[in-house]
Amino acid sequence: MHEFNIGLLVVAASALFLGLLSTPLKRIGLPDSVTLLLVGVVLGPTGFGFLDPAQWGNEMAILEQVARLAIAIGLMGIALRLPKSYIFNHWRPLCVLLLVGMPFMWLCSSALTGWALGLPIGAALLIGAAITPTDPVVASTLVTGPVAKRISLRIYAI
């Protein structure tokens, strides 16, 4: 349990540190997800070894809960940026995205995963289902960050 508390301390300190450096990192144009990935690699077992979930207990249970928490926080952060009336005013495009776009991205992610890793169809579909909910989080950094300033307004009109 001692290692888990140290891990929580390192994660909290990293979040505080990245929060303080968010403005300079946005000027560089590095997306938040890439920055957090690099911090995780540096602090993880392959880097300095401050975060080593193998010492905390069942690795798969920890990974599952951390992934669920990260996706929930990311999606809630995106949802809270929307105005209150957005869902009611734009329900048709949202339904198209949820009922057509997300299943299509699930199938594309699954096909790419199955092809690239040579996995059976069931495993590829499972990985695709795990990856697809993160699309809005990654896409939001592209359409709200410094990259969005270089995107033509004609794309937004589609």
Protein backbone atom coordinates (compact mmCIF):
# COMPACT_ATOMS: atom_id res chain seq x y z
CA MET A 1 0.00 0.00 0.00
CA HIS A 2 2.97 2.29 0.60
CA GLU A 3 3.91 2.15 -3.10
CA PHE A 4 0.35 2.99 -4.11
CA ASN A 5 0.38 6.13 -1.94
CA ILE A 6 3.68 7.19 -3.50
CA GLY A 7 2.14 6.58 -6.93
CA LEU A 8 -0.83 8.78 -6.07
CA LEU A 9 1.53 11.48 -4.83
CA VAL A 10 3.53 11.35 -8.07
CA VAL A 11 0.36 11.52 -10.19
CA ALA A 12 -0.99 14.47 -8.17
CA ALA A 13 2.34 16.30 -8.38
CA SER A 14 2.47 15.67 -12.12
CA ALA A 15 -1.05 17.04 -12.57
CA LEU A 16 -0.15 20.14 -10.56
CA PHE A 17 3.10 20.61 -12.48
CA LEU A 18 1.38 20.22 -15.85
CA GLY A 19 -1.38 22.59 -14.75
CA LEU A 20 1.20 25.24 -13.93
CA LEU A 21 2.93 24.73 -17.28
CA SER A 22 -0.22 24.46 -19.41
CA THR A 23 0.15 27.89 -21.02
CA PRO A 24 3.76 27.41 -22.20
CA LEU A 25 2.90 23.92 -23.43
CA LYS A 26 -0.05 25.28 -25.43
CA ARG A 27 2.26 27.84 -27.06
CA ILE A 28 4.48 25.01 -28.25
CA GLY A 29 1.42 23.34 -29.79
CA LEU A 30 1.89 20.01 -28.06
CA PRO A 31 -1.51 18.37 -27.35
CA ASP A 32 -2.30 17.56 -23.73
CA SER A 33 -2.62 13.86 -24.46
CA VAL A 34 0.90 13.71 -25.93
CA THR A 35 2.32 15.66 -23.00
CA LEU A 36 0.68 13.30 -20.50
CA LEU A 37 1.91 10.28 -22.44
CA LEU A 38 5.49 11.59 -22.32
CA VAL A 39 5.22 12.31 -18.59
CA GLY A 40 3.90 8.78 -18.03
CA VAL A 41 6.77 7.23 -19.95
CA VAL A 42 9.36 9.33 -18.11
CA LEU A 43 7.89 8.62 -14.66
CA GLY A 44 6.97 4.98 -15.41
CA PRO A 45 9.02 1.80 -15.08
CA THR A 46 10.85 2.41 -18.37
CA GLY A 47 11.91 5.89 -17.24
CA PHE A 48 12.77 6.91 -13.69
CA GLY A 49 10.55 4.21 -12.17
CA PHE A 50 8.52 6.44 -9.86
CA LEU A 51 5.28 4.84 -11.10
CA ASP A 52 5.45 1.04 -11.15
CA PRO A 53 1.95 -0.46 -10.95
CA ALA A 54 3.46 -3.97 -10.73
CA GLN A 55 4.31 -3.22 -7.09
CA TRP A 56 0.80 -1.96 -6.23
CA GLY A 57 -1.09 -5.23 -6.63
CA ASN A 58 -3.06 -6.74 -9.49
CA GLU A 59 -1.84 -4.82 -12.53
CA MET A 60 -4.84 -5.55 -14.74
CA ALA A 61 -7.37 -4.40 -12.12
CA ILE A 62 -5.40 -1.19 -11.55
CA LEU A 63 -5.05 -0.56 -15.29
CA GLU A 64 -8.76 -1.11 -15.84
CA GLN A 65 -9.80 1.31 -13.11
CA VAL A 66 -7.29 3.98 -14.12
CA ALA A 67 -8.39 3.73 -17.77
CA ARG A 68 -12.06 4.05 -16.78
CA LEU A 69 -11.29 7.06 -14.63
CA ALA A 70 -9.19 8.74 -17.34
CA ILE A 71 -11.87 8.28 -20.00
CA ALA A 72 -14.60 9.51 -17.65
CA ILE A 73 -12.64 12.63 -16.69
CA GLY A 74 -11.71 13.36 -20.30
CA LEU A 75 -15.25 12.98 -21.61
CA MET A 76 -16.74 15.01 -18.76
CA GLY A 77 -14.20 17.75 -19.40
CA ILE A 78 -15.31 17.91 -23.04
CA ALA A 79 -19.01 17.76 -22.13
CA LEU A 80 -18.69 20.57 -19.59
CA ARG A 81 -17.28 22.91 -22.25
CA LEU A 82 -20.58 22.81 -24.15
CA PRO A 83 -23.24 25.43 -23.46
CA LYS A 84 -26.36 24.19 -21.67
CA SER A 85 -28.61 24.51 -24.71
CA TYR A 86 -26.18 22.87 -27.16
CA ILE A 87 -27.67 19.38 -26.87
CA PHE A 88 -31.20 20.65 -27.50
CA ASN A 89 -30.20 22.92 -30.39
CA HIS A 90 -27.93 20.39 -32.12
CA TRP A 91 -29.60 17.06 -31.37
CA ARG A 92 -29.65 15.88 -35.00
CA PRO A 93 -25.89 16.09 -35.64
CA LEU A 94 -25.24 14.59 -32.21
CA CYS A 95 -27.48 11.62 -33.02
CA VAL A 96 -25.67 11.14 -36.33
CA LEU A 97 -22.33 11.22 -34.53
CA LEU A 98 -23.44 8.77 -31.85
CA LEU A 99 -25.45 6.39 -34.02
CA VAL A 100 -23.38 6.47 -37.22
CA GLY A 101 -20.00 8.04 -36.46
CA MET A 102 -19.07 6.15 -33.31
CA PRO A 103 -19.94 2.68 -34.70
CA PHE A 104 -18.06 3.55 -37.90
CA MET A 105 -15.00 4.64 -35.90
CA TRP A 106 -15.30 1.46 -33.82
CA LEU A 107 -15.21 -0.67 -36.97
CA CYS A 108 -12.33 1.38 -38.45
CA SER A 109 -10.32 1.15 -35.23
CA SER A 110 -11.03 -2.57 -35.00
CA ALA A 111 -10.05 -3.22 -38.63
CA LEU A 112 -6.82 -1.24 -38.27
CA THR A 113 -5.94 -2.96 -35.00
CA GLY A 114 -6.71 -6.40 -36.40
CA TRP A 115 -4.66 -5.73 -39.52
CA ALA A 116 -1.69 -4.09 -37.79
CA LEU A 117 -1.40 -6.56 -34.91
CA GLY A 118 -2.73 -9.65 -36.65
CA LEU A 119 -5.39 -10.22 -34.00
CA PRO A 120 -8.52 -12.34 -34.33
CA ILE A 121 -11.73 -10.46 -35.02
CA GLY A 122 -13.05 -10.70 -31.44
CA ALA A 123 -9.90 -9.22 -29.92
CA ALA A 124 -9.75 -6.51 -32.59
CA LEU A 125 -13.39 -5.55 -31.92
CA LEU A 126 -12.68 -5.39 -28.20
CA ILE A 127 -9.67 -3.11 -28.64
CA GLY A 128 -11.63 -0.96 -31.09
CA ALA A 129 -14.41 -0.59 -28.50
CA ALA A 130 -11.86 0.53 -25.92
CA ILE A 131 -10.21 3.05 -28.24
CA THR A 132 -13.32 4.63 -29.79
CA PRO A 133 -14.58 6.59 -26.72
CA THR A 134 -11.27 8.47 -26.62
CA ASP A 135 -11.84 9.99 -30.08
CA PRO A 136 -13.78 13.05 -28.77
CA VAL A 137 -11.06 13.76 -26.22
CA VAL A 138 -8.26 13.68 -28.79
CA ALA A 139 -10.35 15.54 -31.39
CA SER A 140 -11.20 18.32 -28.95
CA THR A 141 -7.55 19.26 -28.59
CA LEU A 142 -7.34 19.57 -32.37
CA VAL A 143 -10.41 21.77 -32.81
CA THR A 144 -9.91 23.97 -29.73
CA GLY A 145 -6.12 24.23 -29.53
CA PRO A 146 -3.54 26.07 -31.62
CA VAL A 147 -4.12 23.70 -34.55
CA ALA A 148 -7.71 24.96 -34.82
CA LYS A 149 -6.50 28.42 -35.81
CA ARG A 150 -5.04 26.92 -38.99
CA ILE A 151 -8.18 24.96 -39.93
CA SER A 152 -10.34 26.54 -42.59
CA LEU A 153 -13.82 27.67 -41.53
CA ARG A 154 -15.27 25.72 -44.45
CA ILE A 155 -14.52 22.48 -42.58
CA TYR A 156 -16.59 23.65 -39.61
CA ALA A 157 -19.54 24.36 -41.91
CA ILE A 158 -19.78 20.71 -42.97
